[in-house]
Amino acid sequence: MSTVISLLEKMGQDANLRYADKTTVTAELDPALAAAILAGSQEQLAAVLGARTNVVCGVYAAEETDEQEEITSLAKVG
């Protein structure tokens, strides 16, 4: 898998590799991976790698401490 990640990283860094020939892309790769990359198919690539396609990152807002509440109350009064 690190070979695939390295290749995708290089393709992202070098605009010339975006339209690279089949030989350049398929060197040292599994044929299914090479086909997914050459097709530009996110779904195929995710399926071959066994990756999750829907990833969500959530962040909860921090709760106010007593000191923060006091400062907020004083600011509203003043």
N, C-alpha and C. Protein backbone atom coordinates (compact mmCIF):
# COMPACT_ATOMS: atom_id res chain seq x y z
N MET A 1 0.82 -1.19 0.00
CA MET A 1 0.00 0.00 0.00
C MET A 1 0.86 1.25 0.00
N SER A 2 2.03 1.21 0.63
CA SER A 2 2.88 2.40 0.65
C SER A 2 3.34 2.78 -0.75
N THR A 3 3.47 1.80 -1.64
CA THR A 3 3.85 2.10 -3.03
C THR A 3 2.76 2.92 -3.70
N VAL A 4 1.50 2.56 -3.45
CA VAL A 4 0.38 3.29 -4.04
C VAL A 4 0.32 4.71 -3.50
N ILE A 5 0.47 4.84 -2.19
CA ILE A 5 0.43 6.17 -1.56
C ILE A 5 1.57 7.03 -2.10
N SER A 6 2.75 6.46 -2.21
CA SER A 6 3.89 7.21 -2.75
C SER A 6 3.63 7.66 -4.18
N LEU A 7 3.07 6.77 -5.00
CA LEU A 7 2.77 7.13 -6.38
C LEU A 7 1.73 8.25 -6.45
N LEU A 8 0.66 8.12 -5.67
CA LEU A 8 -0.38 9.16 -5.68
C LEU A 8 0.16 10.49 -5.18
N GLU A 9 1.05 10.43 -4.19
CA GLU A 9 1.68 11.65 -3.68
C GLU A 9 2.53 12.31 -4.77
N LYS A 10 3.32 11.50 -5.48
CA LYS A 10 4.13 12.04 -6.57
C LYS A 10 3.27 12.62 -7.68
N MET A 11 2.15 11.94 -7.99
CA MET A 11 1.25 12.43 -9.03
C MET A 11 0.63 13.77 -8.62
N GLY A 12 0.37 13.93 -7.34
CA GLY A 12 -0.19 15.18 -6.85
C GLY A 12 0.82 16.31 -6.85
N GLN A 13 2.09 15.98 -6.70
CA GLN A 13 3.14 17.00 -6.65
C GLN A 13 3.65 17.40 -8.02
N ASP A 14 3.56 16.50 -8.98
CA ASP A 14 4.13 16.75 -10.31
C ASP A 14 3.02 16.74 -11.36
N ALA A 15 2.71 17.90 -11.90
CA ALA A 15 1.63 18.03 -12.88
C ALA A 15 1.88 17.17 -14.12
N ASN A 16 3.13 16.92 -14.46
CA ASN A 16 3.44 16.10 -15.64
C ASN A 16 2.99 14.65 -15.45
N LEU A 17 2.96 14.18 -14.21
CA LEU A 17 2.55 12.80 -13.95
C LEU A 17 1.04 12.61 -14.06
N ARG A 18 0.29 13.70 -14.03
CA ARG A 18 -1.17 13.59 -14.15
C ARG A 18 -1.55 12.91 -15.46
N TYR A 19 -0.81 13.19 -16.49
CA TYR A 19 -1.08 12.62 -17.80
C TYR A 19 0.03 11.65 -18.22
N ALA A 20 0.60 10.98 -17.25
CA ALA A 20 1.71 10.05 -17.52
C ALA A 20 1.21 8.85 -18.32
N ASP A 21 2.14 8.24 -19.04
CA ASP A 21 1.78 7.07 -19.83
C ASP A 21 1.56 5.85 -18.92
N LYS A 22 0.95 4.84 -19.48
CA LYS A 22 0.57 3.65 -18.74
C LYS A 22 1.77 2.97 -18.09
N THR A 23 2.89 2.93 -18.79
CA THR A 23 4.09 2.27 -18.27
C THR A 23 4.58 2.93 -16.99
N THR A 24 4.55 4.26 -16.96
CA THR A 24 5.01 4.98 -15.78
C THR A 24 4.12 4.70 -14.58
N VAL A 25 2.82 4.68 -14.81
CA VAL A 25 1.87 4.49 -13.71
C VAL A 25 1.84 3.04 -13.23
N THR A 26 1.93 2.10 -14.13
CA THR A 26 1.77 0.69 -13.76
C THR A 26 3.04 0.04 -13.24
N ALA A 27 4.16 0.69 -13.34
CA ALA A 27 5.41 0.10 -12.85
C ALA A 27 5.29 -0.18 -11.35
N GLU A 28 5.56 -1.41 -10.95
CA GLU A 28 5.56 -1.84 -9.56
C GLU A 28 4.20 -1.80 -8.89
N LEU A 29 3.11 -1.78 -9.65
CA LEU A 29 1.77 -1.76 -9.05
C LEU A 29 0.99 -3.01 -9.44
N ASP A 30 0.09 -3.39 -8.55
CA ASP A 30 -0.86 -4.45 -8.84
C ASP A 30 -1.73 -4.00 -10.02
N PRO A 31 -2.06 -4.89 -10.95
CA PRO A 31 -2.86 -4.49 -12.12
C PRO A 31 -4.19 -3.83 -11.77
N ALA A 32 -4.86 -4.29 -10.72
CA ALA A 32 -6.14 -3.70 -10.32
C ALA A 32 -5.95 -2.26 -9.83
N LEU A 33 -4.87 -2.03 -9.09
CA LEU A 33 -4.57 -0.67 -8.63
C LEU A 33 -4.23 0.24 -9.79
N ALA A 34 -3.42 -0.28 -10.70
CA ALA A 34 -3.04 0.52 -11.86
C ALA A 34 -4.27 0.88 -12.69
N ALA A 35 -5.18 -0.07 -12.88
CA ALA A 35 -6.39 0.20 -13.66
C ALA A 35 -7.25 1.27 -13.00
N ALA A 36 -7.37 1.22 -11.68
CA ALA A 36 -8.17 2.21 -10.95
C ALA A 36 -7.55 3.60 -11.07
N ILE A 37 -6.23 3.67 -10.96
CA ILE A 37 -5.54 4.97 -11.07
C ILE A 37 -5.66 5.52 -12.48
N LEU A 38 -5.41 4.66 -13.47
CA LEU A 38 -5.49 5.10 -14.86
C LEU A 38 -6.91 5.54 -15.24
N ALA A 39 -7.91 4.89 -14.65
CA ALA A 39 -9.30 5.26 -14.93
C ALA A 39 -9.70 6.53 -14.18
N GLY A 40 -8.90 6.90 -13.19
CA GLY A 40 -9.23 8.08 -12.39
C GLY A 40 -10.47 7.85 -11.54
N SER A 41 -10.68 6.61 -11.15
CA SER A 41 -11.89 6.23 -10.43
C SER A 41 -11.64 6.13 -8.93
N GLN A 42 -12.20 7.06 -8.20
CA GLN A 42 -12.07 7.04 -6.74
C GLN A 42 -12.74 5.80 -6.16
N GLU A 43 -13.89 5.43 -6.72
CA GLU A 43 -14.63 4.26 -6.23
C GLU A 43 -13.83 2.98 -6.41
N GLN A 44 -13.24 2.80 -7.60
CA GLN A 44 -12.43 1.60 -7.85
C GLN A 44 -11.21 1.57 -6.93
N LEU A 45 -10.56 2.70 -6.78
CA LEU A 45 -9.36 2.76 -5.94
C LEU A 45 -9.71 2.45 -4.49
N ALA A 46 -10.80 3.01 -4.00
CA ALA A 46 -11.23 2.74 -2.62
C ALA A 46 -11.57 1.26 -2.44
N ALA A 47 -12.21 0.66 -3.43
CA ALA A 47 -12.58 -0.75 -3.35
C ALA A 47 -11.34 -1.64 -3.33
N VAL A 48 -10.38 -1.35 -4.18
CA VAL A 48 -9.16 -2.17 -4.26
C VAL A 48 -8.34 -2.03 -2.98
N LEU A 49 -8.27 -0.83 -2.44
CA LEU A 49 -7.48 -0.60 -1.23
C LEU A 49 -8.24 -0.95 0.05
N GLY A 50 -9.56 -1.15 -0.07
CA GLY A 50 -10.36 -1.43 1.11
C GLY A 50 -10.52 -0.20 1.99
N ALA A 51 -10.53 0.96 1.36
CA ALA A 51 -10.61 2.22 2.11
C ALA A 51 -12.05 2.63 2.32
N ARG A 52 -12.27 3.40 3.34
CA ARG A 52 -13.59 3.97 3.60
C ARG A 52 -13.73 5.23 2.76
N THR A 53 -14.90 5.40 2.17
CA THR A 53 -15.10 6.57 1.32
C THR A 53 -15.80 7.71 2.04
N ASN A 54 -16.53 7.41 3.09
CA ASN A 54 -17.22 8.46 3.83
C ASN A 54 -16.59 8.61 5.21
N VAL A 55 -15.74 9.59 5.34
CA VAL A 55 -15.06 9.85 6.60
C VAL A 55 -15.48 11.23 7.07
N VAL A 56 -15.90 11.32 8.31
CA VAL A 56 -16.37 12.59 8.86
C VAL A 56 -15.53 12.93 10.08
N CYS A 57 -15.16 14.18 10.17
CA CYS A 57 -14.43 14.65 11.34
C CYS A 57 -15.30 15.68 12.05
N GLY A 58 -15.60 15.45 13.29
CA GLY A 58 -16.43 16.38 14.04
C GLY A 58 -15.65 16.98 15.20
N VAL A 59 -15.94 18.22 15.50
CA VAL A 59 -15.28 18.90 16.61
C VAL A 59 -16.36 19.49 17.50
N TYR A 60 -16.31 19.16 18.77
CA TYR A 60 -17.26 19.72 19.72
C TYR A 60 -16.72 21.04 20.26
N ALA A 61 -17.62 21.99 20.45
CA ALA A 61 -17.22 23.26 21.05
C ALA A 61 -16.89 23.02 22.51
N ALA A 62 -15.86 23.67 22.97
CA ALA A 62 -15.44 23.53 24.36
C ALA A 62 -16.48 24.17 25.28
N GLU A 63 -16.69 23.55 26.43
CA GLU A 63 -17.61 24.13 27.40
C GLU A 63 -16.93 25.29 28.11
N GLU A 64 -17.73 26.30 28.43
CA GLU A 64 -17.17 27.46 29.13
C GLU A 64 -16.86 27.09 30.57
N THR A 65 -15.75 27.56 31.07
CA THR A 65 -15.41 27.36 32.48
C THR A 65 -16.10 28.44 33.30
N ASP A 66 -16.06 28.30 34.62
CA ASP A 66 -16.68 29.30 35.49
C ASP A 66 -16.05 30.67 35.27
N GLU A 67 -14.74 30.71 35.07
CA GLU A 67 -14.04 31.98 34.86
C GLU A 67 -14.51 32.65 33.57
N GLN A 68 -14.68 31.87 32.52
CA GLN A 68 -15.15 32.42 31.25
C GLN A 68 -16.58 32.94 31.37
N GLU A 69 -17.43 32.21 32.11
CA GLU A 69 -18.81 32.65 32.31
C GLU A 69 -18.85 33.96 33.08
N GLU A 70 -17.98 34.08 34.08
CA GLU A 70 -17.92 35.30 34.89
C GLU A 70 -17.49 36.49 34.04
N ILE A 71 -16.50 36.30 33.19
CA ILE A 71 -16.02 37.37 32.31
C ILE A 71 -17.12 37.77 31.34
N THR A 72 -17.84 36.79 30.81
CA THR A 72 -18.93 37.07 29.89
C THR A 72 -20.04 37.85 30.59
N SER A 73 -20.36 37.46 31.82
CA SER A 73 -21.40 38.17 32.59
C SER A 73 -20.99 39.60 32.87
N LEU A 74 -19.74 39.81 33.25
CA LEU A 74 -19.24 41.16 33.55
C LEU A 74 -19.24 42.02 32.29
N ALA A 75 -18.92 41.44 31.17
CA ALA A 75 -18.89 42.19 29.92
C ALA A 75 -20.29 42.63 29.52
N LYS A 76 -21.29 41.81 29.79
CA LYS A 76 -22.67 42.16 29.46
C LYS A 76 -23.19 43.28 30.36
N VAL A 77 -22.78 43.26 31.63
CA VAL A 77 -23.22 44.27 32.59
C VAL A 77 -22.55 45.60 32.30
N GLY A 78 -21.27 45.56 32.01
CA GLY A 78 -20.46 46.77 31.84
C GLY A 78 -20.71 47.38 30.54
